[in-house]
Each structure stands twice: as C-alpha cells, then as structure tokens.
C-alpha cells in the first residue's frame, strides 16, 4: 500500500513486516526517528523484544548475543554511533552472525556536524559486512527484506545505508510491501548453527596464528562470492514487487552510448539523473553508473560499463586523508585489472551535508569534456 510518510517510519514499518525478533538501538541523529518508531511498535506489541541500551557499543553487542541464539535482529545508527560499534562490527562478521543494520549516513567529528556524508561507513568497508547504498527511501524499504535473505543464507551481516536527512526525514509517497508479501519472499530464520544448551557450540573462539588467516580467507572468499546471490536476490524480489533498481550491484542509467560517465552512490544520483536528462535533450551523450553494492565491490560490472568511454568522473561523499578517496580507489582498481585506458577523474563533495545539486552534476560533466585527469573538491 502506498502511504505518505517519513522515510525513517517506512524503514521501521518494513522491519516489522520482516518479523525481526530482537532489536537493540541507541538513538543518534539522523537515525533517531527509526529507533523511536520501532520502540513505539514494541510498546504496541508488534515487535517481540526491544532492548534499550546506554550506547551503540552495547546495542551491537546485545544483538551479537541475540543473533548467536538464532534470533532475527536489527539495529540502526549513524556517524559516531557506527564508530563506537567498530570493534564489534568486525567480531560480528568474523562470527558469521546475520545481523541487519540501517545506517543513516552522517559526517564524523571534527568539526561536529549532524548532516550527511559517507565518512561513517568508510572505516567499516574492510570489516566483512555487505554494504548496500540506496538512492531513495523506496529502494531502502525494498532492500531490507533482501538484506535479511542475504544475511541469513550467506551468514554475513548486512548494512543498508541511506543518506541522513535527505532520506531519513523526507516525507513522500512510499509503498511498503505488506507482511504477507514479505513472508512469500523471506521465510522464518532457521539457523543451522546457534547457541543451544542441548547442542553446545563455541562462537568467536581464540585463534592462534596458524588458524586465524584461514578464518579470514574463508570470510574474504564468502564476501567476494556474495555478488551473484545479491543479483539473484534483487531479481527475485523485483518480480514480486514490480520494481527494479538495476542488478543489485549497480544501476546503469543511460551509459550504453555515453561518452562521459559519472560514478556515484546514494541520493546524489537522483540529481545526476536529472542533469543527464537535461543534457541529453541538448544532444550530449552522458550517463550514470550508480554503485549500490559498495561491499562486495562490483569490479567486473564497472569494467564492462566503462568500455570505450572518453572520460569518467568518480564522485565521493567521503575523503581518504593522505590518499585517493575511497570510491575513486575502487574504480581505479577495476580499470587497472582490465586493459582499458579510460581517464578517470576524482570529485569530492557533499561533505558535512553540503548540497550537491543538479548544477553540481552538470559542472562535473563539463569538467569531463577536457581531456585531462582532474582531482578536485566540488
């Protein structure tokens, strides 16, 4: 049913429809409204268990315990909250616990800012979590059931990321698939391995050097091998809800005949599409390659899209101090692994919530007309 509601509330509605068993949240801007709505649903009896904790480290720790016993779990956070979870995020992935988390992306201190950029998830890209970046609230709502199916089938935790304020606080028409629709796609979680007094096992054990690398290699291989399941899961659910967002890893927006392409993630991509439509009306061959799966990164898909392009601009809403920005680095790696020679420029913008508009996208496309590699803030 299509309703006019806030993006955060739509996320909360979908978590109820996914029949999560145990939630643990500590409200932090701009994810606060998700946690508030979920706590109300718990008070109304729509959620079996909601653990009120004193901070984010405790939230993810409580869910680690709950997930280890076989519960379907959820939390939400932003910014310093993600940073406070850092230690346990690695532990959760290493223990192969299928926790799902919605991150409302926000800048990290200092200076203090409560608005959107992607800096909060960059330190977690190597943790072993699948990281899915959504352009819209509708896409985020539709991605959450997929996140649970992926997490529980692959035994990998999943982050579903939305831009703070731009999406979390936007009030718009959103179709939240009903519990009955979700149940057809997402079965009850029946874990093969869990803490059980009748069948004792150990999780998160101490490992000596001769074994730890083997554990990390297995985890690395399984995250790499998640690409095809991500595609399959997107395809399966899109047929049920009659909505499509690409192949689950990327979205190709008018790239096939494009000479110049912007590569970007999340809500800025809507403005890039608007710029593309306007420029195409003037005869300019431009396109957008939107990255949805930040981890695992879709290297082969990027290589395929970038064949025979004149110039590519990568837009990052985060920085790597003393090095190339994160998304740009991954795109460079993708091209290095191929025999292509396409020039790739780097553009950084939108930090701390600074607006990146249709004009920003047009200016990037204008920069790409010049036959030289650029690296600049916009």
Protein backbone atom coordinates (compact mmCIF):
# COMPACT_ATOMS: atom_id res chain seq x y z
CA UNK A 1 0.00 0.00 0.00
CA UNK A 2 1.30 3.45 -0.93
CA UNK A 3 1.37 5.82 2.03
CA UNK A 4 2.64 9.35 2.57
CA UNK A 5 5.14 9.01 5.38
CA UNK A 6 8.63 9.85 6.54
CA UNK A 7 11.46 7.70 5.23
CA UNK A 8 12.51 6.68 8.74
CA UNK A 9 9.00 5.50 9.55
CA UNK A 10 8.84 3.49 6.33
CA UNK A 11 12.07 1.74 7.36
CA UNK A 12 10.52 0.92 10.74
CA UNK A 13 7.36 -0.40 9.08
CA UNK A 14 9.41 -2.74 6.93
CA UNK A 15 11.36 -4.09 9.92
CA UNK A 16 8.02 -5.05 11.49
CA UNK A 17 6.98 -6.73 8.23
CA UNK A 18 10.29 -8.63 8.13
CA UNK A 19 9.33 -10.05 11.54
CA UNK A 20 12.53 -9.14 13.36
CA UNK A 21 12.70 -10.86 16.77
CA UNK A 22 15.17 -8.73 18.74
CA UNK A 23 16.04 -5.05 18.29
CA UNK A 24 18.60 -3.00 20.18
CA UNK A 25 19.03 0.68 19.34
CA UNK A 26 20.54 3.81 20.81
CA UNK A 27 19.04 6.87 19.08
CA UNK A 28 21.52 9.13 17.30
CA UNK A 29 20.79 11.82 14.72
CA UNK A 30 19.72 11.35 11.94
CA UNK A 31 18.69 7.71 12.54
CA UNK A 32 16.71 8.67 15.66
CA UNK A 33 13.25 8.51 14.11
CA UNK A 34 13.79 4.91 13.02
CA UNK A 35 14.62 3.89 16.59
CA UNK A 36 11.76 5.95 18.04
CA UNK A 37 9.19 4.40 15.72
CA UNK A 38 10.45 0.89 16.40
CA UNK A 39 10.29 1.44 20.16
CA UNK A 40 6.66 2.53 19.78
CA UNK A 41 5.93 -0.61 17.79
CA UNK A 42 7.47 -2.64 20.62
CA UNK A 43 5.23 -0.85 23.13
CA UNK A 44 2.28 -1.66 20.88
CA UNK A 45 3.21 -5.35 20.84
CA UNK A 46 4.30 -5.50 17.20
CA UNK A 47 7.94 -6.38 18.00
CA UNK A 48 8.83 -9.27 20.35
CA UNK A 49 11.89 -7.68 22.01
CA UNK A 50 13.40 -4.18 22.02
CA UNK A 51 16.48 -3.69 24.19
CA UNK A 52 17.04 -0.13 25.39
CA UNK A 53 20.81 0.32 25.75
CA UNK A 54 23.08 3.08 27.00
CA UNK A 55 25.15 3.44 23.82
CA UNK A 56 25.87 1.93 20.42
CA UNK A 57 28.62 -0.46 21.50
CA UNK A 58 26.05 -2.08 23.78
CA UNK A 59 23.43 -2.17 21.02
CA UNK A 60 25.53 -4.19 18.59
CA UNK A 61 26.88 -6.34 21.44
CA UNK A 62 23.36 -7.21 22.57
CA UNK A 63 22.44 -8.17 19.03
CA UNK A 64 25.55 -10.33 18.70
CA UNK A 65 24.27 -12.38 21.62
CA UNK A 66 20.71 -12.47 20.30
CA UNK A 67 21.79 -13.41 16.77
CA UNK A 68 24.03 -16.17 18.13
CA UNK A 69 20.96 -17.80 19.68
CA UNK A 70 19.14 -17.78 16.33
CA UNK A 71 17.08 -14.59 16.55
CA UNK A 72 16.43 -12.29 13.57
CA UNK A 73 17.92 -8.97 14.68
CA UNK A 74 18.07 -5.31 13.68
CA UNK A 75 19.64 -2.04 14.75
CA UNK A 76 20.09 1.42 13.31
CA UNK A 77 22.71 4.11 13.86
CA UNK A 78 24.76 6.92 12.31
CA UNK A 79 28.15 8.61 12.44
CA UNK A 80 29.79 8.37 15.88
CA UNK A 81 27.39 5.51 16.60
CA UNK A 82 28.93 3.47 13.78
CA UNK A 83 32.38 4.40 15.05
CA UNK A 84 31.52 3.25 18.57
CA UNK A 85 30.38 -0.09 17.13
CA UNK A 86 33.63 -0.53 15.19
CA UNK A 87 35.20 -3.26 17.33
CA UNK A 88 32.05 -5.37 17.45
CA UNK A 89 31.29 -4.97 13.74
CA UNK A 90 34.46 -6.94 12.99
CA UNK A 91 33.53 -9.53 15.63
CA UNK A 92 30.01 -9.94 14.21
CA UNK A 93 31.34 -10.60 10.70
CA UNK A 94 34.02 -12.96 12.00
CA UNK A 95 31.38 -14.91 13.98
CA UNK A 96 29.21 -15.05 10.83
CA UNK A 97 26.19 -13.51 12.55
CA UNK A 98 23.46 -12.40 10.08
CA UNK A 99 22.61 -9.05 11.68
CA UNK A 100 20.95 -6.35 9.54
CA UNK A 101 21.60 -2.68 10.28
CA UNK A 102 20.32 0.51 8.69
CA UNK A 103 22.94 3.26 8.69
CA UNK A 104 21.69 6.82 8.20
CA UNK A 105 24.93 8.22 6.82
CA UNK A 106 26.36 11.25 8.58
CA UNK A 107 29.72 13.00 8.91
CA UNK A 108 32.24 12.20 11.65
CA UNK A 109 33.85 14.70 14.07
CA UNK A 110 35.60 17.11 13.98
CA UNK A 111 34.21 19.72 13.48
CA UNK A 112 30.87 18.45 14.73
CA UNK A 113 28.25 18.06 12.02
CA UNK A 114 24.97 16.21 12.08
CA UNK A 115 24.39 16.16 8.32
CA UNK A 116 25.08 13.68 5.59
CA UNK A 117 28.25 12.34 4.12
CA UNK A 118 29.59 8.79 3.79
CA UNK A 119 32.60 9.06 6.07
CA UNK A 120 31.00 6.94 8.80
CA UNK A 121 30.96 3.71 6.78
CA UNK A 122 34.41 4.05 5.22
CA UNK A 123 36.25 2.62 8.29
CA UNK A 124 33.89 -0.39 8.15
CA UNK A 125 34.41 -1.33 4.50
CA UNK A 126 37.00 -3.96 5.44
CA UNK A 127 35.00 -5.47 8.31
CA UNK A 128 33.27 -8.25 6.39
CA UNK A 129 29.80 -6.65 6.26
CA UNK A 130 27.92 -6.45 2.98
CA UNK A 131 27.29 -2.72 2.41
CA UNK A 132 24.36 -1.67 0.20
CA UNK A 133 23.92 2.02 -0.69
CA UNK A 134 20.37 3.13 -1.53
CA UNK A 135 19.37 6.11 -3.66
CA UNK A 136 15.84 6.52 -2.33
CA UNK A 137 13.61 5.62 0.60
CA UNK A 138 11.60 3.33 -1.64
CA UNK A 139 14.75 1.46 -2.60
CA UNK A 140 15.80 1.19 1.06
CA UNK A 141 12.42 -0.25 2.05
CA UNK A 142 12.63 -2.79 -0.79
CA UNK A 143 16.24 -3.66 0.07
CA UNK A 144 15.66 -4.59 3.72
CA UNK A 145 13.93 -7.96 3.04
CA UNK A 146 16.71 -8.72 0.58
CA UNK A 147 19.28 -7.85 3.24
CA UNK A 148 17.76 -10.41 5.62
CA UNK A 149 17.62 -13.09 2.95
CA UNK A 150 21.25 -12.48 2.01
CA UNK A 151 22.44 -12.29 5.62
CA UNK A 152 20.70 -15.48 6.69
CA UNK A 153 21.59 -17.52 3.60
CA UNK A 154 25.23 -16.40 3.43
CA UNK A 155 25.81 -15.97 7.19
CA UNK A 156 27.12 -12.46 6.61
CA UNK A 157 25.91 -9.24 8.28
CA UNK A 158 24.44 -6.54 6.03
CA UNK A 159 24.32 -2.74 6.22
CA UNK A 160 21.57 -0.92 4.32
CA UNK A 161 22.70 2.70 4.01
CA UNK A 162 20.59 5.80 3.37
CA UNK A 163 21.65 9.44 3.31
CA UNK A 164 20.89 11.16 6.59
CA UNK A 165 18.19 13.88 6.47
CA UNK A 166 17.99 13.79 2.66
CA UNK A 167 16.17 10.47 3.01
CA UNK A 168 15.58 9.79 6.71
CA UNK A 169 13.49 12.92 7.22
CA UNK A 170 11.95 13.19 3.75
CA UNK A 171 8.16 12.82 3.72
CA UNK A 172 6.95 11.28 0.48
CA UNK A 173 4.80 8.56 -1.01
CA UNK A 174 6.30 5.15 -0.28
CA UNK A 175 4.95 1.67 -0.99
CA UNK A 176 5.83 -0.56 1.97
CA UNK A 177 5.30 -4.19 0.92
CA UNK A 178 2.92 -5.93 3.30
CA UNK A 179 3.90 -8.62 5.78
CA UNK A 180 2.14 -11.17 3.59
CA UNK A 181 4.21 -10.17 0.54
CA UNK A 182 7.43 -10.22 2.54
CA UNK A 183 6.62 -13.66 4.00
CA UNK A 184 6.40 -15.12 0.49
CA UNK A 185 9.96 -13.95 -0.13
CA UNK A 186 11.56 -14.15 3.32
CA UNK A 187 10.99 -17.38 5.27
CA UNK A 188 11.38 -17.71 9.01
CA UNK A 189 15.02 -17.80 10.08
CA UNK A 190 16.09 -21.35 10.92
CA UNK A 191 19.83 -21.18 11.64
CA UNK A 192 21.97 -24.25 11.16
CA UNK A 193 24.37 -23.07 13.89
CA UNK A 194 23.28 -21.39 17.11
CA UNK A 195 23.94 -21.37 20.83
CA UNK A 196 21.87 -24.17 22.29
CA UNK A 197 22.24 -25.83 25.69
CA UNK A 198 21.14 -29.13 24.17
CA UNK A 199 23.80 -28.93 21.43
CA UNK A 200 26.67 -26.79 22.77
CA UNK A 201 28.99 -24.98 20.34
CA UNK A 202 31.54 -22.18 20.69
CA UNK A 203 31.43 -18.93 18.69
CA UNK A 204 34.16 -16.30 18.45
CA UNK A 205 36.87 -18.52 19.88
CA UNK A 206 40.51 -17.66 20.47
CA UNK A 207 42.66 -18.41 17.43
CA UNK A 208 46.40 -18.98 17.15
CA UNK A 209 48.31 -17.57 14.15
CA UNK A 210 48.29 -20.86 12.25
CA UNK A 211 44.48 -20.75 12.01
CA UNK A 212 43.44 -17.07 12.02
CA UNK A 213 44.43 -16.45 8.40
CA UNK A 214 42.32 -19.42 7.33
CA UNK A 215 39.27 -17.86 9.02
CA UNK A 216 39.91 -14.52 7.32
CA UNK A 217 40.45 -16.19 3.96
CA UNK A 218 37.13 -18.03 4.25
CA UNK A 219 35.36 -14.78 5.16
CA UNK A 220 37.02 -12.90 2.30
CA UNK A 221 36.03 -15.58 -0.20
CA UNK A 222 32.44 -15.63 1.00
CA UNK A 223 32.09 -11.84 0.76
CA UNK A 224 33.58 -11.99 -2.76
CA UNK A 225 31.19 -14.78 -3.70
CA UNK A 226 28.19 -12.75 -2.48
CA UNK A 227 27.93 -10.86 -5.77
CA UNK A 228 25.84 -13.44 -7.59
CA UNK A 229 23.49 -14.01 -4.63
CA UNK A 230 22.97 -10.24 -4.42
CA UNK A 231 21.99 -10.18 -8.11
CA UNK A 232 19.72 -13.21 -7.74
CA UNK A 233 18.01 -11.81 -4.64
CA UNK A 234 17.36 -8.45 -6.33
CA UNK A 235 15.92 -10.19 -9.37
CA UNK A 236 13.67 -12.43 -7.27
CA UNK A 237 12.20 -9.66 -5.13
CA UNK A 238 11.83 -7.19 -8.02
CA UNK A 239 9.49 -9.66 -9.74
CA UNK A 240 7.31 -9.80 -6.63
CA UNK A 241 7.05 -6.03 -6.08
CA UNK A 242 7.35 -4.98 -9.75
CA UNK A 243 10.15 -2.50 -9.03
CA UNK A 244 13.73 -2.68 -10.27
CA UNK A 245 16.89 -0.85 -9.20
CA UNK A 246 19.47 -2.38 -11.52
CA UNK A 247 21.04 -5.76 -10.96
CA UNK A 248 21.56 -5.41 -7.19
CA UNK A 249 25.22 -4.42 -7.58
CA UNK A 250 24.94 -1.44 -9.94
CA UNK A 251 22.44 0.65 -11.85
CA UNK A 252 23.21 1.59 -15.45
CA UNK A 253 21.49 4.89 -16.28
CA UNK A 254 21.94 5.69 -19.98
CA UNK A 255 25.56 4.51 -20.01
CA UNK A 256 25.41 2.27 -23.09
CA UNK A 257 26.08 5.01 -25.66
CA UNK A 258 27.50 7.57 -23.22
CA UNK A 259 30.89 9.13 -23.81
CA UNK A 260 31.16 10.72 -20.36
CA UNK A 261 30.01 8.99 -17.18
CA UNK A 262 29.68 9.91 -13.52
CA UNK A 263 30.12 7.11 -10.98
CA UNK A 264 28.45 7.81 -7.63
CA UNK A 265 26.42 6.36 -4.76
CA UNK A 266 23.20 7.15 -2.90
CA UNK A 267 20.86 10.14 -3.09
CA UNK A 268 23.08 12.42 -5.21
CA UNK A 269 22.41 10.03 -8.06
CA UNK A 270 18.87 11.39 -8.39
CA UNK A 271 20.28 14.82 -9.22
CA UNK A 272 22.80 13.26 -11.61
CA UNK A 273 19.92 11.58 -13.48
CA UNK A 274 18.11 14.91 -13.76
CA UNK A 275 21.25 16.52 -15.17
CA UNK A 276 21.68 13.66 -17.63
CA UNK A 277 18.12 14.03 -18.93
CA UNK A 278 18.60 17.77 -19.46
CA UNK A 279 21.98 17.34 -21.16
CA UNK A 280 20.71 14.55 -23.38
CA UNK A 281 17.94 16.86 -24.60
CA UNK A 282 20.80 19.03 -25.85
CA UNK A 283 22.48 16.12 -27.61
CA UNK A 284 25.19 15.32 -25.05
CA UNK A 285 25.98 11.64 -24.52
CA UNK A 286 26.30 11.35 -20.76
CA UNK A 287 25.39 8.63 -18.25
CA UNK A 288 25.45 7.50 -14.64
CA UNK A 289 26.90 4.33 -13.16
CA UNK A 290 25.39 4.06 -9.69
CA UNK A 291 27.16 1.78 -7.25
CA UNK A 292 24.70 0.03 -4.95
CA UNK A 293 26.90 -2.74 -3.57
CA UNK A 294 29.87 -0.94 -2.07
CA UNK A 295 30.99 -4.21 -0.49
CA UNK A 296 31.44 -6.51 -2.25
CA UNK A 297 32.52 -4.03 -4.92
CA UNK A 298 31.28 -4.80 -8.47
CA UNK A 299 34.65 -4.66 -10.25
CA UNK A 300 33.63 -6.66 -13.33
CA UNK A 301 30.38 -4.73 -13.78
CA UNK A 302 32.34 -1.46 -13.66
CA UNK A 303 34.83 -2.74 -16.22
CA UNK A 304 32.03 -3.73 -18.58
CA UNK A 305 30.21 -0.39 -18.33
CA UNK A 306 33.36 1.69 -18.84
CA UNK A 307 34.40 0.12 -22.15
CA UNK A 308 35.06 2.71 -24.86
CA UNK A 309 34.24 5.75 -22.70
CA UNK A 310 36.07 9.03 -23.26
CA UNK A 311 36.17 10.23 -19.65
CA UNK A 312 34.84 9.08 -16.28
CA UNK A 313 34.31 11.16 -13.15
CA UNK A 314 34.02 9.45 -9.76
CA UNK A 315 32.09 11.38 -7.12
CA UNK A 316 32.93 10.63 -3.49
CA UNK A 317 30.98 11.90 -0.50
CA UNK A 318 33.96 10.99 1.70
CA UNK A 319 37.70 11.52 1.79
CA UNK A 320 40.78 9.44 2.47
CA UNK A 321 43.25 11.82 4.05
CA UNK A 322 46.70 11.36 2.56
CA UNK A 323 45.39 9.11 -0.21
CA UNK A 324 42.86 8.86 -3.01
CA UNK A 325 39.18 8.92 -1.96
CA UNK A 326 37.54 5.53 -1.36
CA UNK A 327 35.15 5.05 -4.29
CA UNK A 328 37.71 6.51 -6.69
CA UNK A 329 40.29 4.00 -5.44
CA UNK A 330 37.97 1.07 -6.14
CA UNK A 331 37.21 2.32 -9.64
CA UNK A 332 40.91 2.73 -10.34
CA UNK A 333 41.46 -0.85 -9.18
CA UNK A 334 38.70 -2.06 -11.50
CA UNK A 335 40.29 -0.36 -14.50
CA UNK A 336 43.80 -1.49 -13.55
CA UNK A 337 42.56 -5.11 -13.70
CA UNK A 338 41.43 -4.58 -17.29
CA UNK A 339 43.19 -3.45 -20.46
CA UNK A 340 41.25 -0.18 -20.68
CA UNK A 341 42.81 3.29 -20.88
CA UNK A 342 39.82 5.47 -19.96
CA UNK A 343 40.85 8.60 -17.99
CA UNK A 344 39.26 8.74 -14.53
CA UNK A 345 38.88 11.98 -12.60
CA UNK A 346 38.06 12.36 -8.90
CA UNK A 347 35.49 14.76 -7.47
CA UNK A 348 34.79 15.12 -3.73
CA UNK A 349 31.72 16.93 -2.46
CA UNK A 350 28.70 16.95 -0.21
CA UNK A 351 30.80 16.66 2.94
CA UNK A 352 29.00 17.51 6.16
CA UNK A 353 25.70 17.89 4.32
CA UNK A 354 26.84 20.48 1.78
CA UNK A 355 24.34 20.47 -1.08
CA UNK A 356 25.29 18.67 -4.27
CA UNK A 357 22.73 19.66 -6.86
CA UNK A 358 21.78 19.15 -10.48
CA UNK A 359 24.15 22.02 -11.29
CA UNK A 360 26.95 20.18 -9.44
CA UNK A 361 26.43 17.19 -11.73
CA UNK A 362 26.35 19.41 -14.83
CA UNK A 363 29.60 21.06 -13.78
CA UNK A 364 31.25 17.66 -13.35
CA UNK A 365 30.13 16.63 -16.84
CA UNK A 366 31.54 19.94 -18.15
CA UNK A 367 34.88 19.20 -16.47
CA UNK A 368 34.92 15.79 -18.14
CA UNK A 369 34.91 17.42 -21.58
CA UNK A 370 38.55 18.37 -21.01
CA UNK A 371 40.95 15.60 -21.94
CA UNK A 372 42.89 15.58 -18.69
CA UNK A 373 42.52 13.88 -15.33
CA UNK A 374 41.27 16.13 -12.53
CA UNK A 375 41.13 15.71 -8.78
CA UNK A 376 39.13 18.39 -7.01
CA UNK A 377 36.57 19.33 -4.38
CA UNK A 378 33.24 20.50 -5.80
